[in-house]
Amino acid sequence: MADRFFPNVMPDFVAEATAETQDEEGKEPVVVTQDPLMKLLSMPYSSLSQRFKRAALDLKETITLETWGMQQVQDFTLYCGTLGTAFFLFRAYLLTNNNNDLALSSQIVKACDTASFNSRDVTFLCGRAGVCALGAVLAKHASDEQLLNYYLVQFREIKLPRNLPDELLYGRVGYLWACLFINKHMGTGTIPSTYTCSVVNEIIKNGKELAKSGRCPLMFEWYGEKYWGAAHGLAGIMHVLMDMDLKPDEVEDVKGTLRYMINNRFPSGNYPTSEEDKKRDVLVHWCHGAPGVALTLVKAARVFGDKEFLEAAADTAEEMWSSYTEPKLLLAFYLIELTSSYQRERCMEVITPTHCSKGWEVWLIFFLT
């Protein structure tokens, strides 16, 4: 465990410093402290957010150069590959309205389109659907009707294999997430319910079938293991299902599944990796454990209005803060996860964990948009 995690030594709370002096009008307040971390955390929120914004945008050129400098696509996916750079530039465009970011993002997506053309993977994060969905949204922002129609036609030609799993990274809800992304940015009904209803029905059917022998209303497998986390398990699947048109009994199944998870979490507030691994409280990742579950619980509190989900999300956020986390995600990860759990409604969705070739810096842009 010590090889992969480190304890959080940050203070639970740092009060904003009262800036009694400023170098010049409009400059950041002067915060008197010797510790660089405390100086950063003591800054007023408005100054701190602007500092993060500048840092994220300053890193943009470096990230793009390191991940797209050779203009070659070895891995086209959004999750681990070149499409992550395109998505990063798209988020930067939404923040700054810089058309250069939009154009470069579109160029990268075009290369990913070629690289993924014969791919049988169908999800937003790891498949062809992510390329077509992002391409369509970029074309809409660029007012390129021909390109927009091309990507939408390509998206609608994606066929889901019969043996597809149900999880987020490689499965059915990963495809549904791409549908939701298109409809969010292009208007409800761009991908009509005729494309999604049958997929939702298949997911619900599979979940009920596997849950017959247990106490959880819905259960799913990935490579023979019943995962709980956001990447391969219950948290990710429930998160996407909450955005779909569900029957009343299906809504209750989703609620019941979340309650089952809450009632069977670890005393620490963390969540098991899988149904088969309820004794090892070791993973606090977005993929497995509290971070992914927290985001789903916050969304459940918003969608259903049930206080129990908000309280469980707060408990989970406390575990994320007081326990351990992966070194690569650093402060940006904490800011995204904790503020989404406690404060910022615009972060109340699974923020795409783009492990983009060289840098964790992409998290900063996601925090700001």
Protein backbone atom coordinates (compact mmCIF):
# COMPACT_ATOMS: atom_id res chain seq x y z
CA MET A 1 0.00 0.00 0.00
CA ALA A 2 2.84 2.38 0.80
CA ASP A 3 4.14 1.94 -2.73
CA ARG A 4 0.97 3.34 -4.32
CA PHE A 5 -0.47 5.77 -1.79
CA PHE A 6 0.56 8.51 0.55
CA PRO A 7 -1.29 9.93 3.56
CA ASN A 8 -2.97 13.29 3.18
CA VAL A 9 -1.03 15.73 5.36
CA MET A 10 -2.96 18.81 4.28
CA PRO A 11 -4.92 20.64 7.02
CA ASP A 12 -8.67 20.08 7.19
CA PHE A 13 -9.38 23.78 6.85
CA VAL A 14 -7.42 26.92 6.07
CA ALA A 15 -9.14 30.24 6.62
CA GLU A 16 -8.88 32.84 3.88
CA ALA A 17 -6.27 35.43 4.77
CA THR A 18 -7.43 38.98 5.22
CA ALA A 19 -5.42 41.04 2.77
CA GLU A 20 -4.75 44.38 4.38
CA THR A 21 -2.20 45.41 1.79
CA GLN A 22 -1.87 44.99 -1.93
CA ASP A 23 1.02 45.92 -4.20
CA GLU A 24 -1.29 47.59 -6.68
CA GLU A 25 -4.98 47.81 -7.26
CA GLY A 26 -6.25 44.63 -8.88
CA LYS A 27 -3.25 42.55 -7.82
CA GLU A 28 -3.56 39.42 -5.70
CA PRO A 29 -3.75 40.02 -1.92
CA VAL A 30 -0.50 39.64 -0.06
CA VAL A 31 -0.66 36.55 2.17
CA VAL A 32 1.99 36.51 4.89
CA THR A 33 3.24 32.94 5.48
CA GLN A 34 6.47 31.03 4.95
CA ASP A 35 4.86 27.77 3.81
CA PRO A 36 4.15 27.84 0.03
CA LEU A 37 1.23 25.41 0.37
CA MET A 38 -0.35 27.38 3.19
CA LYS A 39 0.15 30.57 1.22
CA LEU A 40 -1.71 29.05 -1.69
CA LEU A 41 -4.56 27.67 0.42
CA SER A 42 -4.92 30.92 2.36
CA MET A 43 -5.65 32.97 -0.73
CA PRO A 44 -9.21 34.29 -1.15
CA TYR A 45 -11.26 32.04 -3.39
CA SER A 46 -11.46 34.53 -6.25
CA SER A 47 -7.67 34.90 -6.32
CA LEU A 48 -7.09 31.17 -5.91
CA SER A 49 -9.43 30.27 -8.78
CA GLN A 50 -7.73 32.80 -11.05
CA ARG A 51 -4.34 31.35 -10.09
CA PHE A 52 -5.52 27.86 -11.07
CA LYS A 53 -6.98 29.19 -14.29
CA ARG A 54 -3.72 30.82 -15.31
CA ALA A 55 -1.74 27.72 -14.32
CA ALA A 56 -4.00 25.47 -16.39
CA LEU A 57 -3.86 27.66 -19.45
CA ASP A 58 -0.09 28.09 -19.13
CA LEU A 59 0.28 24.33 -19.24
CA LYS A 60 -1.83 24.01 -22.37
CA GLU A 61 0.99 24.49 -24.87
CA THR A 62 3.27 22.07 -23.04
CA ILE A 63 0.62 19.36 -22.81
CA THR A 64 -0.33 19.74 -26.46
CA LEU A 65 3.29 19.67 -27.58
CA GLU A 66 4.11 16.56 -25.56
CA THR A 67 1.01 14.63 -26.60
CA TRP A 68 0.55 15.88 -30.18
CA GLY A 69 3.94 17.27 -31.16
CA MET A 70 4.71 14.34 -33.47
CA GLN A 71 1.13 14.42 -34.84
CA GLN A 72 0.88 10.66 -34.61
CA VAL A 73 -1.88 8.61 -33.02
CA GLN A 74 -0.69 5.52 -31.16
CA ASP A 75 -3.72 5.31 -28.87
CA PHE A 76 -6.79 7.16 -30.13
CA THR A 77 -8.87 6.91 -26.94
CA LEU A 78 -9.99 9.75 -24.72
CA TYR A 79 -9.11 7.83 -21.57
CA CYS A 80 -5.44 7.16 -22.24
CA GLY A 81 -4.68 8.51 -25.69
CA THR A 82 -4.66 11.35 -28.18
CA LEU A 83 -8.38 12.08 -28.03
CA GLY A 84 -7.76 13.17 -24.44
CA THR A 85 -5.68 16.05 -25.77
CA ALA A 86 -8.49 17.02 -28.14
CA PHE A 87 -10.97 16.95 -25.28
CA PHE A 88 -8.62 19.04 -23.15
CA LEU A 89 -8.41 21.66 -25.90
CA PHE A 90 -12.19 21.63 -26.25
CA ARG A 91 -12.59 22.36 -22.54
CA ALA A 92 -10.02 25.14 -22.87
CA TYR A 93 -12.03 26.56 -25.79
CA LEU A 94 -15.20 26.57 -23.69
CA LEU A 95 -13.31 28.52 -21.03
CA THR A 96 -11.53 31.08 -23.22
CA ASN A 97 -13.38 31.02 -26.57
CA ASN A 98 -9.99 30.72 -28.28
CA ASN A 99 -10.70 29.54 -31.83
CA ASN A 100 -7.16 28.21 -32.18
CA ASP A 101 -7.99 25.63 -29.51
CA LEU A 102 -11.15 24.69 -31.37
CA ALA A 103 -9.29 24.29 -34.67
CA LEU A 104 -6.47 22.23 -33.16
CA SER A 105 -8.92 20.02 -31.30
CA SER A 106 -10.77 19.38 -34.55
CA GLN A 107 -7.49 18.50 -36.29
CA ILE A 108 -6.63 15.97 -33.60
CA VAL A 109 -10.10 14.42 -33.72
CA LYS A 110 -9.73 14.01 -37.49
CA ALA A 111 -6.55 11.98 -36.92
CA CYS A 112 -8.30 9.93 -34.24
CA ASP A 113 -11.19 9.35 -36.63
CA THR A 114 -8.81 7.74 -39.10
CA ALA A 115 -7.08 5.70 -36.40
CA SER A 116 -10.35 4.43 -34.90
CA PHE A 117 -12.28 3.80 -38.11
CA ASN A 118 -12.15 0.00 -37.83
CA SER A 119 -12.26 -0.14 -34.04
CA ARG A 120 -14.82 -2.43 -32.45
CA ASP A 121 -14.74 -0.52 -29.16
CA VAL A 122 -17.89 1.55 -28.80
CA THR A 123 -17.64 3.74 -25.69
CA PHE A 124 -17.06 7.41 -25.01
CA LEU A 125 -13.83 6.97 -23.07
CA CYS A 126 -12.25 4.06 -24.90
CA GLY A 127 -13.96 3.66 -28.25
CA ARG A 128 -15.22 4.93 -31.56
CA ALA A 129 -18.23 6.62 -29.97
CA GLY A 130 -16.00 9.11 -28.15
CA VAL A 131 -14.29 10.16 -31.39
CA CYS A 132 -17.57 10.68 -33.25
CA ALA A 133 -19.29 12.40 -30.32
CA LEU A 134 -16.49 14.90 -29.72
CA GLY A 135 -16.07 15.42 -33.47
CA ALA A 136 -19.75 16.26 -33.87
CA VAL A 137 -19.74 18.73 -30.98
CA LEU A 138 -16.61 20.46 -32.28
CA ALA A 139 -18.11 20.70 -35.77
CA LYS A 140 -21.22 22.32 -34.28
CA HIS A 141 -19.11 24.94 -32.51
CA ALA A 142 -17.21 25.54 -35.76
CA SER A 143 -20.49 25.84 -37.73
CA ASP A 144 -19.26 23.13 -40.11
CA GLU A 145 -22.50 21.42 -41.17
CA GLN A 146 -20.83 18.96 -43.52
CA LEU A 147 -18.43 17.72 -40.87
CA LEU A 148 -21.21 17.68 -38.28
CA ASN A 149 -23.34 15.45 -40.48
CA TYR A 150 -20.37 13.18 -41.16
CA TYR A 151 -19.69 12.53 -37.47
CA LEU A 152 -23.37 12.03 -36.63
CA VAL A 153 -23.75 9.53 -39.48
CA GLN A 154 -20.63 7.71 -38.27
CA PHE A 155 -21.97 7.68 -34.71
CA ARG A 156 -25.31 6.22 -35.77
CA GLU A 157 -23.53 3.46 -37.67
CA ILE A 158 -21.87 2.16 -34.49
CA LYS A 159 -23.14 -1.33 -33.71
CA LEU A 160 -23.03 -2.73 -30.19
CA PRO A 161 -21.73 -6.32 -30.02
CA ARG A 162 -24.04 -8.83 -28.36
CA ASN A 163 -21.37 -9.83 -25.85
CA LEU A 164 -20.70 -6.26 -24.75
CA PRO A 165 -20.36 -5.74 -20.96
CA ASP A 166 -22.48 -3.14 -19.21
CA GLU A 167 -19.77 -1.03 -17.53
CA LEU A 168 -18.51 2.48 -18.30
CA LEU A 169 -15.06 2.10 -19.85
CA TYR A 170 -15.81 -0.58 -22.44
CA GLY A 171 -19.49 -1.38 -22.11
CA ARG A 172 -23.06 -0.29 -22.78
CA VAL A 173 -23.21 2.64 -20.37
CA GLY A 174 -20.00 3.90 -21.96
CA TYR A 175 -21.90 4.08 -25.24
CA LEU A 176 -24.83 5.78 -23.52
CA TRP A 177 -22.44 8.34 -22.06
CA ALA A 178 -21.45 9.30 -25.60
CA CYS A 179 -25.14 9.72 -26.48
CA LEU A 180 -25.61 11.95 -23.42
CA PHE A 181 -22.55 14.02 -24.34
CA ILE A 182 -23.94 14.72 -27.81
CA ASN A 183 -27.40 15.60 -26.51
CA LYS A 184 -25.97 17.84 -23.80
CA HIS A 185 -23.96 19.94 -26.25
CA MET A 186 -26.22 19.74 -29.30
CA GLY A 187 -29.72 19.51 -27.89
CA THR A 188 -31.98 16.83 -26.48
CA GLY A 189 -33.05 14.37 -29.14
CA THR A 190 -30.00 14.74 -31.37
CA ILE A 191 -29.47 11.09 -30.52
CA PRO A 192 -33.11 10.01 -30.10
CA SER A 193 -34.41 7.62 -27.50
CA THR A 194 -34.82 4.97 -30.20
CA TYR A 195 -31.03 4.58 -30.02
CA THR A 196 -30.86 4.40 -26.24
CA CYS A 197 -34.01 2.68 -24.95
CA SER A 198 -33.06 -0.78 -26.14
CA VAL A 199 -29.59 -0.36 -24.61
CA VAL A 200 -31.06 0.72 -21.27
CA ASN A 201 -33.49 -2.22 -21.33
CA GLU A 202 -30.62 -4.63 -21.93
CA ILE A 203 -28.62 -3.15 -19.04
CA ILE A 204 -31.57 -3.37 -16.63
CA LYS A 205 -32.34 -6.94 -17.73
CA ASN A 206 -28.74 -8.03 -17.21
CA GLY A 207 -28.56 -6.29 -13.84
CA LYS A 208 -31.71 -7.97 -12.53
CA GLU A 209 -30.68 -11.38 -13.83
CA LEU A 210 -27.32 -11.33 -12.07
CA ALA A 211 -28.86 -9.90 -8.88
CA LYS A 212 -31.34 -12.75 -8.43
CA SER A 213 -29.14 -14.64 -5.99
CA GLY A 214 -28.18 -11.59 -3.90
CA ARG A 215 -29.62 -8.72 -1.89
CA CYS A 216 -28.76 -5.92 -4.32
CA PRO A 217 -31.52 -5.03 -6.86
CA LEU A 218 -29.00 -4.73 -9.72
CA MET A 219 -25.61 -6.38 -10.16
CA PHE A 220 -23.15 -6.52 -13.05
CA GLU A 221 -19.98 -8.38 -13.99
CA TRP A 222 -16.83 -7.45 -15.82
CA TYR A 223 -14.48 -10.33 -16.57
CA GLY A 224 -16.28 -12.44 -14.00
CA GLU A 225 -16.02 -9.99 -11.11
CA LYS A 226 -18.87 -7.89 -9.67
CA TYR A 227 -17.21 -4.48 -9.44
CA TRP A 228 -18.59 -1.54 -7.45
CA GLY A 229 -16.53 1.37 -8.76
CA ALA A 230 -17.03 3.98 -11.45
CA ALA A 231 -14.88 2.46 -14.17
CA HIS A 232 -16.21 -1.10 -14.30
CA GLY A 233 -19.01 -1.37 -11.79
CA LEU A 234 -22.10 -0.17 -10.01
CA ALA A 235 -21.11 3.48 -9.43
CA GLY A 236 -20.47 4.19 -13.11
CA ILE A 237 -23.52 2.28 -14.31
CA MET A 238 -25.89 3.92 -11.81
CA HIS A 239 -24.47 7.34 -12.66
CA VAL A 240 -25.38 6.99 -16.33
CA LEU A 241 -28.74 5.30 -15.71
CA MET A 242 -29.84 8.31 -13.66
CA ASP A 243 -29.74 10.35 -16.88
CA MET A 244 -31.93 7.92 -18.82
CA ASP A 245 -35.72 7.63 -19.04
CA LEU A 246 -36.44 4.89 -16.52
CA LYS A 247 -39.69 3.25 -15.49
CA PRO A 248 -40.76 3.82 -11.86
CA ASP A 249 -39.67 0.32 -10.80
CA GLU A 250 -36.30 0.83 -12.51
CA VAL A 251 -35.81 4.08 -10.61
CA GLU A 252 -36.40 2.17 -7.38
CA ASP A 253 -33.88 -0.44 -8.48
CA VAL A 254 -31.26 2.27 -8.97
CA LYS A 255 -32.04 3.78 -5.56
CA GLY A 256 -31.98 0.35 -3.95
CA THR A 257 -28.62 -0.45 -5.53
CA LEU A 258 -27.12 2.77 -4.15
CA ARG A 259 -28.59 2.05 -0.70
CA TYR A 260 -27.08 -1.44 -0.80
CA MET A 261 -23.68 0.11 -1.50
CA ILE A 262 -24.08 2.65 1.30
CA ASN A 263 -25.15 -0.01 3.80
CA ASN A 264 -22.20 -2.24 2.91
CA ARG A 265 -19.40 0.33 2.76
CA PHE A 266 -16.36 0.07 4.99
CA PRO A 267 -16.41 1.69 8.45
CA SER A 268 -13.89 4.21 7.10
CA GLY A 269 -16.44 5.49 4.58
CA ASN A 270 -14.61 3.93 1.64
CA TYR A 271 -16.26 1.39 -0.67
CA PRO A 272 -15.22 -2.14 -1.67
CA THR A 273 -13.62 -2.74 -5.03
CA SER A 274 -16.05 -5.55 -5.79
CA GLU A 275 -18.71 -7.82 -4.34
CA GLU A 276 -16.03 -10.49 -3.92
CA ASP A 277 -13.56 -8.19 -2.14
CA LYS A 278 -15.36 -6.70 0.84
CA LYS A 279 -12.55 -7.16 3.36
CA ARG A 280 -9.69 -5.12 1.86
CA ASP A 281 -10.11 -1.39 2.38
CA VAL A 282 -7.16 -0.29 0.24
CA LEU A 283 -8.21 1.45 -3.00
CA VAL A 284 -9.32 5.09 -2.99
CA HIS A 285 -9.42 5.76 -6.74
CA TRP A 286 -11.91 7.10 -9.25
CA CYS A 287 -11.90 3.62 -10.81
CA HIS A 288 -12.33 1.75 -7.52
CA GLY A 289 -13.44 3.20 -4.22
CA ALA A 290 -14.71 6.42 -2.71
CA PRO A 291 -13.98 9.08 -5.39
CA GLY A 292 -16.12 7.54 -8.13
CA VAL A 293 -18.86 6.59 -5.68
CA ALA A 294 -18.95 10.10 -4.19
CA LEU A 295 -19.73 11.68 -7.54
CA THR A 296 -22.53 9.18 -8.14
CA LEU A 297 -24.01 9.79 -4.69
CA VAL A 298 -23.98 13.56 -5.18
CA LYS A 299 -25.77 13.10 -8.47
CA ALA A 300 -28.32 10.81 -6.78
CA ALA A 301 -28.98 13.50 -4.17
CA ARG A 302 -29.62 16.01 -6.94
CA VAL A 303 -31.75 13.71 -9.11
CA PHE A 304 -33.81 12.07 -6.37
CA GLY A 305 -33.70 14.77 -3.68
CA ASP A 306 -33.03 12.18 -0.98
CA LYS A 307 -31.03 13.45 2.00
CA GLU A 308 -29.53 10.02 2.65
CA PHE A 309 -27.56 10.18 -0.60
CA LEU A 310 -26.16 13.62 0.20
CA GLU A 311 -25.14 12.52 3.69
CA ALA A 312 -23.47 9.41 2.29
CA ALA A 313 -21.65 11.54 -0.28
CA ALA A 314 -20.37 13.81 2.49
CA ASP A 315 -19.13 10.80 4.47
CA THR A 316 -17.42 9.47 1.37
CA ALA A 317 -15.76 12.82 0.71
CA GLU A 318 -14.42 12.81 4.26
CA GLU A 319 -12.84 9.42 3.59
CA MET A 320 -11.25 10.75 0.42
CA TRP A 321 -9.81 13.67 2.34
CA SER A 322 -8.61 11.92 5.47
CA SER A 323 -7.30 8.71 3.94
CA TYR A 324 -5.05 8.21 0.98
CA THR A 325 -5.02 9.00 -2.70
CA GLU A 326 -2.94 8.31 -5.81
CA PRO A 327 0.11 10.58 -6.09
CA LYS A 328 -0.53 11.47 -9.73
CA LEU A 329 -3.85 13.16 -9.04
CA LEU A 330 -2.46 15.51 -6.39
CA LEU A 331 -4.23 18.68 -5.33
CA ALA A 332 -6.30 19.07 -8.50
CA PHE A 333 -8.02 15.75 -7.82
CA TYR A 334 -8.93 16.74 -4.27
CA LEU A 335 -10.29 20.08 -5.40
CA ILE A 336 -12.51 18.52 -8.03
CA GLU A 337 -13.79 15.70 -5.87
CA LEU A 338 -14.33 17.63 -2.65
CA THR A 339 -15.84 20.76 -4.12
CA SER A 340 -18.14 18.66 -6.27
CA SER A 341 -19.29 16.82 -3.17
CA TYR A 342 -19.81 19.91 -1.02
CA GLN A 343 -20.23 23.01 -3.12
CA ARG A 344 -20.23 23.12 -6.92
CA GLU A 345 -23.25 21.79 -8.78
CA ARG A 346 -21.51 22.14 -12.12
CA CYS A 347 -19.07 19.43 -11.02
CA MET A 348 -21.90 17.04 -10.08
CA GLU A 349 -21.11 14.57 -12.83
CA VAL A 350 -18.40 12.05 -13.45
CA ILE A 351 -15.55 14.22 -14.60
CA THR A 352 -13.69 12.43 -17.32
CA PRO A 353 -10.45 11.05 -15.83
CA THR A 354 -8.21 11.75 -18.80
CA HIS A 355 -4.86 10.09 -18.07
CA CYS A 356 -3.59 11.86 -21.16
CA SER A 357 -0.18 10.42 -22.11
CA LYS A 358 2.06 12.79 -20.14
CA GLY A 359 0.12 14.80 -17.64
CA TRP A 360 -2.38 14.98 -14.82
CA GLU A 361 -2.64 18.71 -15.58
CA VAL A 362 -5.85 18.19 -17.58
CA TRP A 363 -7.70 17.95 -14.26
CA LEU A 364 -7.16 21.67 -13.75
CA ILE A 365 -9.18 22.59 -16.83
CA PHE A 366 -11.97 20.25 -15.75
CA PHE A 367 -12.08 21.97 -12.37
CA LEU A 368 -12.47 25.37 -13.98
CA THR A 369 -15.26 24.57 -16.44
